[in-house]
Amino acid sequence: MAESLISLDVEHANGIVKLSHKVGWSFDVADAQTLLTVGRAFGVIDDDSELIACATAVHYDRRLASLGMVIVHPDHQKKSLGKKVTNACLESLQSDQAMICVATEVGFPLYKKLGFEPLQKIYKYTTNHVAASKERIFRPFEEKDREQIIELDTKATGSNRSRFLQQRFAQAEKVLVKDDANGNIIAYGAAIQGEHMRVIGPIVAKVQEDFSSLVQELAMDAKTPMRIDVPTDRSHDELLKIGFTTHATPWMMGYGCSHSPYDENYHYALAAQAYG
């Protein structure tokens, strides 16, 4: 059987979704289209042109990229296909550009072998219901907010994610912001409603209270289970208090970097594990 490594584009969105379901991931077409629009993706196809492995690399700027959606069809594992598509993503990096990924338990040994190092734990929380916030202190995102949000996000994440945020906001169920007394944006957050799950994130806030309140307002009215991924456990008690439970604690790993890109002075939630 001949297997070929190819570059993927938006026409392969349905193939990625189909492949993700083979390994039990709740991924939908809108998510796949976002990844394929803002990043580079590679796949392996079989003789029948069926996608049997894939990986994506979202290049935020010249400093940082994020590896995600490393999937191998269950019938084609132990063929080094995961290594092949991950290497293709690594080869897409520019000089001195680092890459992060959130590693599954299965993927951790592969990434370690390819040169990734553990940076920090990611805390994945899930819930079916979130307690309502006591007051509504956020307003809907407006186009005029974009520049300030990018500036805030860049400070918190260590990279300029403007192209990604534009695509993610277009996909979002809601995007909320908070201004200080001088009209400066000090917190923002987005909620992406999928077919089976509402993902809360990305979120950036300067203080814990705004972070927790954002989570509550972004979760409001959800008709599906919800999840949020955070790179620290300092919000643990607050998230438990409003209804979340810890689901998993995978490692964030880094290639070409020795520490997390996230600024600890900000309270942050990942856009999703595929994006960082």
Protein backbone atom coordinates (compact mmCIF):
# COMPACT_ATOMS: atom_id res chain seq x y z
CA MET A 1 0.00 0.00 0.00
CA ALA A 2 1.43 3.39 -1.05
CA GLU A 3 1.01 6.20 1.44
CA SER A 4 1.72 9.79 0.43
CA LEU A 5 2.49 12.90 2.48
CA ILE A 6 0.54 15.91 1.19
CA SER A 7 -0.23 19.51 2.19
CA LEU A 8 -3.81 20.03 3.31
CA ASP A 9 -6.14 22.96 2.62
CA VAL A 10 -9.75 23.89 3.43
CA GLU A 11 -11.01 21.27 1.00
CA HIS A 12 -9.73 18.65 3.43
CA ALA A 13 -11.80 19.95 6.38
CA ASN A 14 -14.33 17.11 6.20
CA GLY A 15 -11.53 14.56 6.01
CA ILE A 16 -9.94 15.94 9.19
CA VAL A 17 -13.29 15.85 11.00
CA LYS A 18 -13.90 12.28 9.88
CA LEU A 19 -10.41 11.28 11.02
CA SER A 20 -10.85 13.02 14.39
CA HIS A 21 -14.04 11.08 15.05
CA LYS A 22 -12.11 7.84 14.50
CA VAL A 23 -10.10 8.61 17.64
CA GLY A 24 -13.05 9.94 19.65
CA TRP A 25 -12.41 13.69 19.35
CA SER A 26 -15.40 16.07 19.15
CA PHE A 27 -14.09 18.20 16.29
CA ASP A 28 -16.36 19.90 13.74
CA VAL A 29 -16.01 21.40 10.27
CA ALA A 30 -15.82 25.03 11.48
CA ASP A 31 -12.85 24.18 13.73
CA ALA A 32 -11.11 22.35 10.89
CA GLN A 33 -11.68 25.27 8.53
CA THR A 34 -10.20 27.70 11.06
CA LEU A 35 -7.07 25.58 11.46
CA LEU A 36 -6.68 25.15 7.72
CA THR A 37 -7.23 28.86 7.05
CA VAL A 38 -4.78 30.30 9.58
CA GLY A 39 -2.19 27.52 9.66
CA ARG A 40 -0.34 24.97 7.61
CA ALA A 41 -1.46 21.37 7.65
CA PHE A 42 -0.04 18.10 6.44
CA GLY A 43 -1.60 14.71 5.95
CA VAL A 44 -0.96 11.18 4.80
CA ILE A 45 -3.37 9.60 2.33
CA ASP A 46 -3.68 5.96 1.30
CA ASP A 47 -4.20 4.45 -2.16
CA ASP A 48 -7.87 5.46 -2.08
CA SER A 49 -6.96 9.09 -1.23
CA GLU A 50 -8.45 8.65 2.25
CA LEU A 51 -6.83 10.80 4.92
CA ILE A 52 -5.23 8.48 7.47
CA ALA A 53 -3.01 10.93 9.41
CA CYS A 54 -2.78 14.68 9.87
CA ALA A 55 -1.14 17.48 11.85
CA THR A 56 -1.48 21.27 11.82
CA ALA A 57 0.91 24.13 12.53
CA VAL A 58 -0.56 27.55 13.30
CA HIS A 59 2.17 30.16 12.76
CA TYR A 60 1.22 33.15 14.89
CA ASP A 61 4.25 35.28 14.07
CA ARG A 62 7.98 34.82 13.55
CA ARG A 63 8.40 33.95 17.23
CA LEU A 64 5.83 31.23 17.86
CA ALA A 65 3.77 28.49 16.24
CA SER A 66 1.42 25.91 17.70
CA LEU A 67 1.27 22.22 16.75
CA GLY A 68 -2.13 20.55 16.91
CA MET A 69 -4.49 17.92 15.58
CA VAL A 70 -1.86 15.19 15.37
CA ILE A 71 -4.06 12.23 14.52
CA VAL A 72 -3.40 8.78 13.10
CA HIS A 73 -6.21 6.49 12.00
CA PRO A 74 -6.51 3.53 14.44
CA ASP A 75 -6.03 1.07 11.58
CA HIS A 76 -2.75 2.69 10.54
CA GLN A 77 -0.90 3.19 13.79
CA LYS A 78 2.65 1.95 14.47
CA LYS A 79 3.70 3.02 10.97
CA SER A 80 5.46 6.23 12.10
CA LEU A 81 2.75 8.32 10.41
CA GLY A 82 2.45 10.58 13.46
CA LYS A 83 6.18 11.21 13.26
CA LYS A 84 5.94 11.93 9.53
CA VAL A 85 3.23 14.61 9.80
CA THR A 86 4.77 16.16 12.94
CA ASN A 87 8.16 16.42 11.23
CA ALA A 88 6.47 18.15 8.29
CA CYS A 89 5.10 20.75 10.72
CA LEU A 90 8.52 21.20 12.32
CA GLU A 91 10.10 21.69 8.90
CA SER A 92 7.61 24.51 8.25
CA LEU A 93 9.09 26.58 11.11
CA GLN A 94 11.10 29.67 10.29
CA SER A 95 14.57 30.23 11.69
CA ASP A 96 14.45 30.75 15.49
CA GLN A 97 10.66 30.20 15.56
CA ALA A 98 9.54 28.11 18.54
CA MET A 99 6.62 25.69 18.59
CA ILE A 100 4.32 24.64 21.43
CA CYS A 101 1.84 21.79 21.67
CA VAL A 102 -0.50 20.26 24.22
CA ALA A 103 0.44 16.61 24.35
CA THR A 104 -1.93 13.71 24.80
CA GLU A 105 -0.63 10.82 26.87
CA VAL A 106 -0.13 8.86 23.65
CA GLY A 107 1.63 11.73 21.88
CA PHE A 108 4.01 12.70 24.69
CA PRO A 109 6.73 10.09 23.91
CA LEU A 110 6.71 11.01 20.21
CA TYR A 111 7.09 14.73 20.86
CA LYS A 112 9.81 14.09 23.42
CA LYS A 113 11.71 11.98 20.87
CA LEU A 114 11.40 14.76 18.28
CA GLY A 115 12.91 17.38 20.58
CA PHE A 116 9.96 18.85 22.47
CA GLU A 117 10.39 19.43 26.20
CA PRO A 118 7.69 19.67 28.91
CA LEU A 119 7.00 23.30 29.84
CA GLN A 120 3.97 23.28 32.13
CA LYS A 121 0.76 21.45 32.89
CA ILE A 122 -2.47 22.46 31.16
CA TYR A 123 -5.64 22.08 33.22
CA LYS A 124 -8.70 20.99 31.27
CA TYR A 125 -12.04 21.61 32.98
CA THR A 126 -15.51 20.55 31.84
CA THR A 127 -19.08 21.10 32.97
CA ASN A 128 -22.69 20.86 31.86
CA HIS A 129 -23.78 23.97 33.76
CA VAL A 130 -22.15 27.13 35.11
CA ALA A 131 -23.54 29.30 37.88
CA ALA A 132 -24.85 32.64 36.60
CA SER A 133 -22.69 35.71 37.20
CA LYS A 134 -23.93 38.20 39.80
CA GLU A 135 -23.56 41.17 37.46
CA ARG A 136 -22.84 41.77 33.81
CA ILE A 137 -19.71 43.89 33.50
CA PHE A 138 -18.71 43.09 29.92
CA ARG A 139 -19.89 44.41 26.58
CA PRO A 140 -19.95 42.83 23.12
CA PHE A 141 -16.86 43.11 20.95
CA GLU A 142 -16.85 45.87 18.33
CA GLU A 143 -14.53 46.16 15.36
CA LYS A 144 -12.90 49.25 16.87
CA ASP A 145 -11.67 47.04 19.76
CA ARG A 146 -9.49 44.84 17.57
CA GLU A 147 -6.22 46.76 17.89
CA GLN A 148 -6.42 46.95 21.69
CA ILE A 149 -7.34 43.29 21.98
CA ILE A 150 -4.36 42.25 19.84
CA GLU A 151 -2.07 44.37 21.99
CA LEU A 152 -3.43 42.81 25.20
CA ASP A 153 -3.29 39.29 23.75
CA THR A 154 0.29 39.75 22.53
CA LYS A 155 1.44 40.80 25.99
CA ALA A 156 -0.23 37.76 27.57
CA THR A 157 0.76 35.11 25.03
CA GLY A 158 4.16 36.30 23.81
CA SER A 159 3.13 36.35 20.15
CA ASN A 160 1.01 38.39 17.75
CA ARG A 161 -2.03 36.25 16.97
CA SER A 162 -3.96 38.87 14.98
CA ARG A 163 -4.79 36.68 11.97
CA PHE A 164 -5.84 33.79 14.16
CA LEU A 165 -8.00 35.98 16.41
CA GLN A 166 -9.77 37.48 13.42
CA GLN A 167 -10.74 34.00 12.22
CA ARG A 168 -11.64 32.76 15.69
CA PHE A 169 -13.84 35.77 16.45
CA ALA A 170 -15.70 35.20 13.18
CA GLN A 171 -16.38 31.65 14.35
CA ALA A 172 -17.37 32.66 17.90
CA GLU A 173 -20.81 32.47 19.46
CA LYS A 174 -19.88 35.55 21.49
CA VAL A 175 -16.88 37.79 22.14
CA LEU A 176 -16.92 40.03 25.22
CA VAL A 177 -14.63 42.81 26.43
CA LYS A 178 -14.17 44.98 29.52
CA ASP A 179 -12.92 48.56 29.59
CA ASP A 180 -11.28 50.38 32.46
CA ALA A 181 -12.30 53.92 33.48
CA ASN A 182 -10.10 55.36 30.72
CA GLY A 183 -11.59 53.26 27.97
CA ASN A 184 -8.67 50.81 27.78
CA ILE A 185 -9.55 47.15 27.26
CA ILE A 186 -8.36 45.13 30.27
CA ALA A 187 -10.07 41.80 29.53
CA TYR A 188 -11.55 39.92 26.59
CA GLY A 189 -12.89 36.45 25.99
CA ALA A 190 -14.59 34.35 23.33
CA ALA A 191 -16.89 31.33 23.34
CA ILE A 192 -17.01 28.96 20.38
CA GLN A 193 -20.14 26.84 20.10
CA GLY A 194 -19.52 23.53 18.41
CA GLU A 195 -22.01 20.83 17.56
CA HIS A 196 -21.27 18.89 20.74
CA MET A 197 -19.26 21.27 22.94
CA ARG A 198 -18.90 24.96 23.80
CA VAL A 199 -15.24 25.92 24.15
CA ILE A 200 -14.58 28.84 26.49
CA GLY A 201 -11.49 30.65 25.23
CA PRO A 202 -9.33 32.39 24.43
CA ILE A 203 -9.54 34.62 27.49
CA VAL A 204 -7.08 37.25 28.67
CA ALA A 205 -7.72 39.24 31.85
CA LYS A 206 -5.50 41.31 34.10
CA VAL A 207 -7.25 40.23 37.32
CA GLN A 208 -8.75 36.97 38.61
CA GLU A 209 -12.20 38.46 39.21
CA ASP A 210 -12.57 39.50 35.57
CA PHE A 211 -11.35 36.10 34.40
CA SER A 212 -13.93 34.23 36.47
CA SER A 213 -16.77 36.58 35.52
CA LEU A 214 -15.85 36.27 31.84
CA VAL A 215 -16.02 32.50 32.07
CA GLN A 216 -19.51 32.73 33.59
CA GLU A 217 -20.85 35.15 30.99
CA LEU A 218 -19.32 33.23 28.08
CA ALA A 219 -20.88 30.02 29.40
CA MET A 220 -24.31 31.56 29.82
CA ASP A 221 -27.13 29.92 27.82
CA ALA A 222 -24.98 27.02 26.57
CA LYS A 223 -27.08 24.04 25.52
CA THR A 224 -24.13 21.65 25.33
CA PRO A 225 -21.34 20.62 27.71
CA MET A 226 -18.53 23.16 28.08
CA ARG A 227 -14.77 23.04 28.46
CA ILE A 228 -11.97 25.44 29.26
CA ASP A 229 -8.20 24.89 29.17
CA VAL A 230 -5.95 27.00 31.39
CA PRO A 231 -2.13 26.97 31.78
CA THR A 232 -2.12 27.25 35.57
CA ASP A 233 -4.10 25.93 38.53
CA ARG A 234 -4.48 29.32 40.21
CA SER A 235 -8.10 29.57 38.95
CA HIS A 236 -8.87 26.07 40.21
CA ASP A 237 -10.97 27.02 43.23
CA GLU A 238 -12.94 29.64 41.31
CA LEU A 239 -13.68 27.28 38.42
CA LEU A 240 -14.84 24.57 40.82
CA LYS A 241 -17.04 27.09 42.60
CA ILE A 242 -18.93 28.01 39.43
CA GLY A 243 -19.45 24.41 38.36
CA PHE A 244 -16.41 23.05 36.54
CA THR A 245 -14.57 19.82 37.35
CA THR A 246 -11.03 18.82 36.39
CA HIS A 247 -11.07 16.51 33.39
CA ALA A 248 -7.37 16.12 32.51
CA THR A 249 -3.94 17.69 33.04
CA PRO A 250 -1.88 17.19 29.87
CA TRP A 251 1.57 18.70 29.34
CA MET A 252 2.27 21.72 27.24
CA MET A 253 5.53 21.01 25.45
CA GLY A 254 7.91 23.31 23.63
CA TYR A 255 10.28 22.93 20.70
CA GLY A 256 12.99 25.58 20.50
CA CYS A 257 11.93 27.16 23.79
CA SER A 258 12.70 26.36 27.41
CA HIS A 259 9.79 28.07 29.14
CA SER A 260 6.12 28.82 28.61
CA PRO A 261 5.35 31.79 26.34
CA TYR A 262 2.51 32.91 28.62
CA ASP A 263 3.00 35.91 30.92
CA GLU A 264 2.10 34.92 34.49
CA ASN A 265 0.90 38.46 35.17
CA TYR A 266 -2.23 37.71 33.11
CA HIS A 267 -5.07 35.26 33.64
CA TYR A 268 -5.40 33.23 30.48
CA ALA A 269 -7.43 30.48 28.86
CA LEU A 270 -6.34 28.69 25.72
CA ALA A 271 -8.37 29.04 22.53
CA ALA A 272 -8.29 25.23 22.50
CA GLN A 273 -5.60 22.61 22.87
CA ALA A 274 -5.00 22.66 19.10
CA TYR A 275 -4.15 26.36 19.19
CA GLY A 276 -2.47 27.04 22.53
